[in-house]
C-alpha atoms as a PDB file:
ATOM      1  CA  UNK A   1      -0.052  -0.073   0.164  1.00  0.00           C
ATOM      2  CA  UNK A   2       1.315   3.284  -0.952  1.00  0.00           C
ATOM      3  CA  UNK A   3       1.336   5.922   1.399  1.00  0.00           C
ATOM      4  CA  UNK A   4      -0.289   9.341  -0.135  1.00  0.00           C
ATOM      5  CA  UNK A   5       1.315  11.426   3.006  1.00  0.00           C
ATOM      6  CA  UNK A   6       5.045  11.187   1.340  1.00  0.00           C
ATOM      7  CA  UNK A   7       3.814  11.253  -2.330  1.00  0.00           C
ATOM      8  CA  UNK A   8       4.380  14.659  -4.270  1.00  0.00           C
ATOM      9  CA  UNK A   9       1.107  17.186  -4.408  1.00  0.00           C
ATOM     10  CA  UNK A  10       0.428  19.825  -7.065  1.00  0.00           C
ATOM     11  CA  UNK A  11      -1.566  22.283  -6.200  1.00  0.00           C
ATOM     12  CA  UNK A  12      -2.054  24.841  -9.834  1.00  0.00           C
ATOM     13  CA  UNK A  13       1.493  24.851 -10.576  1.00  0.00           C
ATOM     14  CA  UNK A  14       3.298  24.481  -7.625  1.00  0.00           C
ATOM     15  CA  UNK A  15       4.151  20.924  -6.583  1.00  0.00           C
ATOM     16  CA  UNK A  16       4.884  19.817  -3.016  1.00  0.00           C
ATOM     17  CA  UNK A  17       7.510  17.179  -2.244  1.00  0.00           C
ATOM     18  CA  UNK A  18       4.448  15.690   0.031  1.00  0.00           C
ATOM     19  CA  UNK A  19       1.370  16.379   1.777  1.00  0.00           C
ATOM     20  CA  UNK A  20       3.273  17.306   5.110  1.00  0.00           C
ATOM     21  CA  UNK A  21       2.582  20.863   6.262  1.00  0.00           C
ATOM     22  CA  UNK A  22       3.355  22.951   9.159  1.00  0.00           C
ATOM     23  CA  UNK A  23       1.016  25.264  10.504  1.00  0.00           C
ATOM     24  CA  UNK A  24       2.071  28.742  11.351  1.00  0.00           C
ATOM     25  CA  UNK A  25       2.506  29.209  14.860  1.00  0.00           C
ATOM     26  CA  UNK A  26       3.120  32.485  17.059  1.00  0.00           C
ATOM     27  CA  UNK A  27       6.749  32.183  18.111  1.00  0.00           C
ATOM     28  CA  UNK A  28       7.152  35.506  19.733  1.00  0.00           C
ATOM     29  CA  UNK A  29      11.030  35.914  18.568  1.00  0.00           C
ATOM     30  CA  UNK A  30      11.297  39.091  17.407  1.00  0.00           C
ATOM     31  CA  UNK A  31      14.049  39.842  19.911  1.00  0.00           C
ATOM     32  CA  UNK A  32      14.170  43.968  19.282  1.00  0.00           C
ATOM     33  CA  UNK A  33      10.124  44.111  19.326  1.00  0.00           C
ATOM     34  CA  UNK A  34      10.919  45.442  15.487  1.00  0.00           C
ATOM     35  CA  UNK A  35       9.488  42.781  13.916  1.00  0.00           C
ATOM     36  CA  UNK A  36      12.334  41.293  11.921  1.00  0.00           C
ATOM     37  CA  UNK A  37      13.111  37.793  11.319  1.00  0.00           C
ATOM     38  CA  UNK A  38      15.950  36.438  13.734  1.00  0.00           C
ATOM     39  CA  UNK A  39      18.228  33.473  13.637  1.00  0.00           C
ATOM     40  CA  UNK A  40      16.098  31.868  15.176  1.00  0.00           C
ATOM     41  CA  UNK A  41      13.383  31.949  12.919  1.00  0.00           C
ATOM     42  CA  UNK A  42      15.886  30.966   9.929  1.00  0.00           C
ATOM     43  CA  UNK A  43      16.994  27.559  12.116  1.00  0.00           C
ATOM     44  CA  UNK A  44      13.144  27.072  13.285  1.00  0.00           C
ATOM     45  CA  UNK A  45      11.688  26.724   9.628  1.00  0.00           C
ATOM     46  CA  UNK A  46      14.742  25.793   8.023  1.00  0.00           C
ATOM     47  CA  UNK A  47      14.855  22.806  10.478  1.00  0.00           C
ATOM     48  CA  UNK A  48      11.049  21.713   9.822  1.00  0.00           C
ATOM     49  CA  UNK A  49      11.981  21.968   5.730  1.00  0.00           C
ATOM     50  CA  UNK A  50      14.889  20.007   5.984  1.00  0.00           C
ATOM     51  CA  UNK A  51      13.469  17.205   8.281  1.00  0.00           C
ATOM     52  CA  UNK A  52      10.747  16.601   5.267  1.00  0.00           C
ATOM     53  CA  UNK A  53       7.741  18.874   5.605  1.00  0.00           C
ATOM     54  CA  UNK A  54       6.187  19.706   2.030  1.00  0.00           C
ATOM     55  CA  UNK A  55       4.924  23.076   2.996  1.00  0.00           C
ATOM     56  CA  UNK A  56       6.055  25.646   5.785  1.00  0.00           C
ATOM     57  CA  UNK A  57       4.027  28.452   6.696  1.00  0.00           C
ATOM     58  CA  UNK A  58       5.655  31.174   8.808  1.00  0.00           C
ATOM     59  CA  UNK A  59       3.611  32.416  11.686  1.00  0.00           C
ATOM     60  CA  UNK A  60       1.338  35.509  11.901  1.00  0.00           C
ATOM     61  CA  UNK A  61       3.099  38.337  10.422  1.00  0.00           C
ATOM     62  CA  UNK A  62       1.573  41.883  11.129  1.00  0.00           C
ATOM     63  CA  UNK A  63       0.526  44.052   8.315  1.00  0.00           C
ATOM     64  CA  UNK A  64       0.701  46.986  10.879  1.00  0.00           C
ATOM     65  CA  UNK A  65       2.589  47.328  14.198  1.00  0.00           C
ATOM     66  CA  UNK A  66      -0.202  47.992  15.937  1.00  0.00           C
ATOM     67  CA  UNK A  67      -2.181  45.143  14.856  1.00  0.00           C
ATOM     68  CA  UNK A  68       0.143  42.569  16.310  1.00  0.00           C
ATOM     69  CA  UNK A  69      -0.927  40.510  19.038  1.00  0.00           C
ATOM     70  CA  UNK A  70       2.307  40.766  20.901  1.00  0.00           C
ATOM     71  CA  UNK A  71       5.516  43.222  20.513  1.00  0.00           C
ATOM     72  CA  UNK A  72       7.601  40.382  19.439  1.00  0.00           C
ATOM     73  CA  UNK A  73       5.499  39.221  16.640  1.00  0.00           C
ATOM     74  CA  UNK A  74       7.104  39.271  13.104  1.00  0.00           C
ATOM     75  CA  UNK A  75       6.274  42.310  10.892  1.00  0.00           C
ATOM     76  CA  UNK A  76       5.687  43.016   7.153  1.00  0.00           C
ATOM     77  CA  UNK A  77       4.360  46.533   7.436  1.00  0.00           C
ATOM     78  CA  UNK A  78       7.519  47.977   6.025  1.00  0.00           C
ATOM     79  CA  UNK A  79      10.066  47.151   3.299  1.00  0.00           C
ATOM     80  CA  UNK A  80      12.646  47.169   5.309  1.00  0.00           C
ATOM     81  CA  UNK A  81      11.338  44.014   6.411  1.00  0.00           C
ATOM     82  CA  UNK A  82      10.819  42.175   3.510  1.00  0.00           C
ATOM     83  CA  UNK A  83      14.656  41.022   3.176  1.00  0.00           C
ATOM     84  CA  UNK A  84      14.836  38.982   5.988  1.00  0.00           C
ATOM     85  CA  UNK A  85      11.463  37.720   4.982  1.00  0.00           C
ATOM     86  CA  UNK A  86      12.839  36.748   1.590  1.00  0.00           C
ATOM     87  CA  UNK A  87      16.184  35.166   3.171  1.00  0.00           C
ATOM     88  CA  UNK A  88      13.804  32.908   5.702  1.00  0.00           C
ATOM     89  CA  UNK A  89      11.807  31.449   2.226  1.00  0.00           C
ATOM     90  CA  UNK A  90      15.154  31.266   0.196  1.00  0.00           C
ATOM     91  CA  UNK A  91      16.480  29.286   3.223  1.00  0.00           C
ATOM     92  CA  UNK A  92      12.972  27.010   3.145  1.00  0.00           C
ATOM     93  CA  UNK A  93      13.511  26.877  -0.284  1.00  0.00           C
ATOM     94  CA  UNK A  94      17.105  24.979  -0.455  1.00  0.00           C
ATOM     95  CA  UNK A  95      15.844  22.858   2.078  1.00  0.00           C
ATOM     96  CA  UNK A  96      13.339  21.283  -0.243  1.00  0.00           C
ATOM     97  CA  UNK A  97      10.116  22.768   1.114  1.00  0.00           C
ATOM     98  CA  UNK A  98       7.962  25.731  -0.332  1.00  0.00           C
ATOM     99  CA  UNK A  99       6.840  28.468   2.201  1.00  0.00           C
ATOM    100  CA  UNK A 100       3.792  30.085   2.687  1.00  0.00           C
ATOM    101  CA  UNK A 101       3.059  33.139   5.638  1.00  0.00           C
ATOM    102  CA  UNK A 102      -0.003  33.790   7.410  1.00  0.00           C
ATOM    103  CA  UNK A 103      -0.787  37.528   7.188  1.00  0.00           C
ATOM    104  CA  UNK A 104      -2.086  38.933  10.331  1.00  0.00           C
ATOM    105  CA  UNK A 105      -3.578  41.871  12.382  1.00  0.00           C
ATOM    106  CA  UNK A 106      -5.105  40.820  15.499  1.00  0.00           C
ATOM    107  CA  UNK A 107      -8.081  43.205  15.618  1.00  0.00           C
ATOM    108  CA  UNK A 108      -9.643  44.372  18.601  1.00  0.00           C
ATOM    109  CA  UNK A 109      -7.068  41.924  20.719  1.00  0.00           C
ATOM    110  CA  UNK A 110      -3.998  44.143  19.220  1.00  0.00           C
ATOM    111  CA  UNK A 111      -1.742  45.715  21.496  1.00  0.00           C
END
């Protein structure tokens, strides 16, 4: 019996190496409270990709600084934050997985 879990899966023109997906999880690890990716994030997501996850979803990433759940959330509200996020997705891709991101605004629960 072939295990479907470990077989490739195609969604439109994107093929995942398998059907294992890492859901986004808030890590609250932007050390300087500036929304920037840290080495922790590179290691956290890169090891999941190397560990045979087919799709790695980056944690809730705030679209506005005042829309964060915590002051240690990742951010994408400024173009200066994009380069580090790009490095993270490139590292995920280099380890054989596809990357996705959960864009977020905490609404009334924002800080």
